[in-house]
Protein backbone atom coordinates (compact mmCIF):
# COMPACT_ATOMS: atom_id res chain seq x y z
CA MET A 1 -39.67 -13.84 -42.03
CA THR A 2 -41.35 -14.04 -45.40
CA ARG A 3 -38.79 -14.92 -47.99
CA TRP A 4 -40.43 -13.40 -51.08
CA ALA A 5 -42.72 -10.72 -49.66
CA PRO A 6 -43.05 -7.82 -52.07
CA GLY A 7 -41.80 -4.37 -51.20
CA ALA A 8 -38.68 -5.48 -49.34
CA ARG A 9 -36.62 -2.56 -50.64
CA GLU A 10 -39.17 0.01 -49.50
CA ARG A 11 -39.62 -1.73 -46.12
CA LEU A 12 -35.86 -1.75 -45.63
CA GLN A 13 -35.60 1.96 -46.41
CA ALA A 14 -38.45 2.78 -44.04
CA ALA A 15 -37.00 0.58 -41.30
CA ALA A 16 -33.55 2.10 -41.71
CA LEU A 17 -34.88 5.64 -41.53
CA ASP A 18 -36.99 4.86 -38.47
CA LEU A 19 -34.04 3.28 -36.68
CA PHE A 20 -31.68 6.12 -37.63
CA VAL A 21 -34.14 8.55 -36.02
CA GLU A 22 -34.78 6.37 -32.96
CA GLN A 23 -31.25 5.37 -32.06
CA GLY A 24 -28.88 7.25 -34.36
CA TYR A 25 -27.20 6.35 -37.61
CA ASP A 26 -23.94 5.08 -36.10
CA GLU A 27 -25.74 2.95 -33.52
CA THR A 28 -27.96 1.20 -36.08
CA THR A 29 -26.82 -2.09 -37.60
CA VAL A 30 -27.82 -3.79 -40.82
CA SER A 31 -29.15 -6.71 -38.77
CA GLN A 32 -31.46 -4.37 -36.87
CA ILE A 33 -32.72 -2.84 -40.11
CA ALA A 34 -33.35 -6.24 -41.66
CA ALA A 35 -35.15 -7.50 -38.55
CA ARG A 36 -37.35 -4.39 -38.42
CA ALA A 37 -38.25 -4.88 -42.10
CA GLY A 38 -38.96 -8.57 -41.57
CA VAL A 39 -36.21 -9.85 -43.87
CA THR A 40 -32.77 -11.39 -43.52
CA ASP A 41 -29.42 -9.62 -43.63
CA ARG A 42 -28.83 -11.35 -46.94
CA THR A 43 -31.96 -9.72 -48.36
CA PHE A 44 -30.72 -6.36 -47.15
CA PHE A 45 -27.45 -6.83 -49.03
CA ARG A 46 -29.32 -7.83 -52.18
CA HIS A 47 -30.79 -4.33 -52.20
CA PHE A 48 -28.06 -2.16 -50.66
CA ALA A 49 -24.28 -2.31 -50.39
CA ASP A 50 -24.41 -0.89 -46.86
CA LYS A 51 -26.74 0.94 -44.50
CA ARG A 52 -25.75 4.33 -45.94
CA GLU A 53 -27.07 3.33 -49.34
CA SER A 54 -30.55 2.82 -47.87
CA LEU A 55 -30.66 6.62 -47.73
CA PHE A 56 -29.06 7.26 -51.12
CA ALA A 57 -30.66 4.62 -53.30
CA GLY A 58 -32.21 6.19 -56.37
CA SER A 59 -29.49 8.78 -56.91
CA ASP A 60 -28.79 7.33 -60.36
CA ARG A 61 -32.43 7.78 -61.31
CA LEU A 62 -32.28 11.43 -60.24
CA VAL A 63 -29.20 11.97 -62.41
CA ASP A 64 -31.03 10.30 -65.30
CA LEU A 65 -34.03 12.59 -64.86
CA PHE A 66 -31.82 15.68 -65.12
CA THR A 67 -29.69 14.49 -68.03
CA GLY A 68 -32.49 12.74 -69.89
CA ALA A 69 -34.52 15.94 -70.01
CA VAL A 70 -31.58 17.78 -71.58
CA GLU A 71 -30.96 14.99 -74.07
CA ARG A 72 -34.63 14.82 -75.16
CA SER A 73 -35.28 18.55 -75.23
CA THR A 74 -35.99 20.43 -78.42
CA ALA A 75 -34.93 23.70 -76.76
CA HIS A 76 -31.81 25.51 -77.88
CA ASP A 77 -31.49 28.14 -75.16
CA PRO A 78 -29.25 26.83 -72.34
CA LEU A 79 -31.53 28.26 -69.62
CA ASP A 80 -34.50 26.52 -71.19
CA LEU A 81 -32.54 23.26 -71.08
CA ALA A 82 -31.82 23.84 -67.40
CA SER A 83 -35.47 24.63 -66.75
CA GLU A 84 -36.54 21.39 -68.41
CA ALA A 85 -33.99 19.43 -66.37
CA LEU A 86 -35.36 20.93 -63.17
CA ALA A 87 -38.93 20.18 -64.19
CA ALA A 88 -37.99 16.57 -64.90
CA SER A 89 -36.36 16.20 -61.48
CA ALA A 90 -39.70 17.02 -59.82
CA GLU A 91 -40.90 13.53 -60.80
CA PHE A 92 -38.56 12.14 -58.13
CA PHE A 93 -40.40 14.04 -55.38
CA PRO A 94 -44.15 13.40 -55.44
CA PRO A 95 -46.16 14.92 -52.57
CA GLU A 96 -46.38 11.59 -50.74
CA ARG A 97 -42.58 11.57 -50.43
CA LEU A 98 -42.47 14.83 -48.45
CA ALA A 99 -42.51 13.39 -44.91
CA TRP A 100 -39.84 10.81 -45.80
CA SER A 101 -37.70 13.52 -47.42
CA ARG A 102 -37.94 15.75 -44.37
CA THR A 103 -36.89 12.96 -42.03
CA ARG A 104 -34.14 11.73 -44.36
CA THR A 105 -32.69 15.23 -44.62
CA ALA A 106 -32.64 15.61 -40.83
CA VAL A 107 -30.77 12.29 -40.49
CA VAL A 108 -28.29 13.23 -43.24
CA LEU A 109 -27.57 16.67 -41.78
CA ALA A 110 -27.06 15.21 -38.30
CA ASN A 111 -24.25 12.97 -39.55
CA PRO A 112 -21.18 14.62 -41.16
CA ALA A 113 -20.29 11.55 -43.25
CA LEU A 114 -23.82 11.39 -44.65
CA ALA A 115 -23.86 15.14 -45.30
CA GLU A 116 -20.60 14.74 -47.22
CA ARG A 117 -22.14 11.91 -49.25
CA GLU A 118 -25.15 14.14 -50.01
CA GLN A 119 -22.85 16.87 -51.33
CA LEU A 120 -21.02 14.32 -53.46
CA LYS A 121 -24.39 13.33 -54.92
CA MET A 122 -25.05 16.98 -55.83
CA VAL A 123 -21.60 17.33 -57.45
CA THR A 124 -22.25 14.16 -59.45
CA ILE A 125 -25.54 15.57 -60.72
CA ALA A 126 -23.89 18.89 -61.65
CA GLN A 127 -21.10 17.13 -63.53
CA ALA A 128 -23.50 14.88 -65.42
CA LEU A 129 -25.73 17.82 -66.28
CA ALA A 130 -22.76 19.87 -67.51
CA ARG A 131 -21.67 16.94 -69.68
CA SER A 132 -25.18 16.70 -71.18
CA LEU A 133 -25.19 20.45 -71.82
CA ARG A 134 -21.81 20.23 -73.57
CA GLU A 135 -23.16 17.41 -75.72
CA ARG A 136 -26.00 19.76 -76.69
CA GLY A 137 -23.47 22.38 -77.80
CA VAL A 138 -23.28 24.59 -74.72
CA PRO A 139 -19.65 25.74 -74.57
CA GLU A 140 -17.40 25.92 -71.52
CA PRO A 141 -17.40 27.48 -69.03
CA ALA A 142 -21.13 28.06 -69.57
CA ALA A 143 -21.97 24.33 -69.38
CA THR A 144 -20.23 23.91 -66.02
CA LEU A 145 -21.67 27.15 -64.65
CA LEU A 146 -25.16 26.18 -65.72
CA GLY A 147 -24.80 22.61 -64.42
CA ARG A 148 -23.72 23.82 -61.00
CA SER A 149 -26.25 26.65 -60.92
CA THR A 150 -29.07 24.31 -61.85
CA VAL A 151 -28.14 22.00 -58.98
CA THR A 152 -28.03 24.98 -56.62
CA VAL A 153 -31.53 25.96 -57.74
CA PHE A 154 -32.59 22.38 -57.13
CA GLN A 155 -31.10 22.37 -53.62
CA VAL A 156 -32.71 25.69 -52.66
CA ALA A 157 -36.10 24.59 -54.01
CA PHE A 158 -35.79 21.22 -52.25
CA ASP A 159 -34.95 22.95 -48.95
CA ARG A 160 -38.01 25.14 -49.42
CA TRP A 161 -40.14 22.07 -50.17
CA ILE A 162 -39.13 20.22 -47.00
CA SER A 163 -39.42 23.29 -44.77
CA GLU A 164 -42.48 23.25 -42.54
CA GLY A 165 -43.76 26.55 -43.94
CA GLU A 166 -43.91 25.58 -47.61
CA ASP A 167 -46.93 23.67 -48.82
CA ARG A 168 -46.45 23.74 -52.57
CA PRO A 169 -45.57 21.08 -55.11
CA VAL A 170 -41.85 20.75 -55.68
CA LEU A 171 -42.30 21.67 -59.37
CA ASP A 172 -43.74 25.07 -58.41
CA LEU A 173 -40.83 25.68 -56.05
CA LEU A 174 -38.28 24.68 -58.69
CA GLN A 175 -39.80 27.08 -61.22
CA ASP A 176 -40.09 29.87 -58.66
CA THR A 177 -36.50 29.44 -57.48
CA LEU A 178 -35.18 29.45 -61.06
CA SER A 179 -37.20 32.59 -61.74
CA GLN A 180 -35.67 34.24 -58.66
CA LEU A 181 -32.18 33.31 -59.86
CA ARG A 182 -32.91 34.82 -63.29
CA THR A 183 -34.15 38.01 -61.63
CA THR A 184 -31.08 38.14 -59.40
CA LEU A 185 -28.66 37.72 -62.31
CA ALA A 186 -30.45 40.09 -64.68
CA PRO A 187 -32.45 42.63 -62.67
CA SER A 188 -34.64 44.94 -64.71
CA ALA A 189 -33.28 48.44 -65.16
């Protein structure tokens, strides 16, 4: 095992995902993940608190993308702020991440504890976004409604992105899904 080989974190995530698919999440051990990635258990624990976190690493960055866009925006309209937050989140999902995202989602949905953790991640994003909106002067309950709605738009667009039938950049799907929500909430007369 190479002690200082670059890319250990990425190798560990790839190894974990492969093993979760091959033998199941519960049946996979940290030692197996580390061995598959060509590192020690100790190296694994330098990057992740446990095997679950190999699937959820980066969640803080996603929160920062959402909230940072609101904080930096020059927009005043709350829906424009939400739109900018969604657009910023697209940075987290470049096209080359699609196959990994599809597989990761399948693993998460197959395991109730992981699915629960995924929903907690979404709630965390919604709460942080609502807090950022309040700081920008959006009153309650509008800030909470918009924070949660924005995360729902994100989830629907993400599900569309990882579906086998969609072959569009995630940014296009985010914008399209937000547009569909706007149309649903305020249909033309």
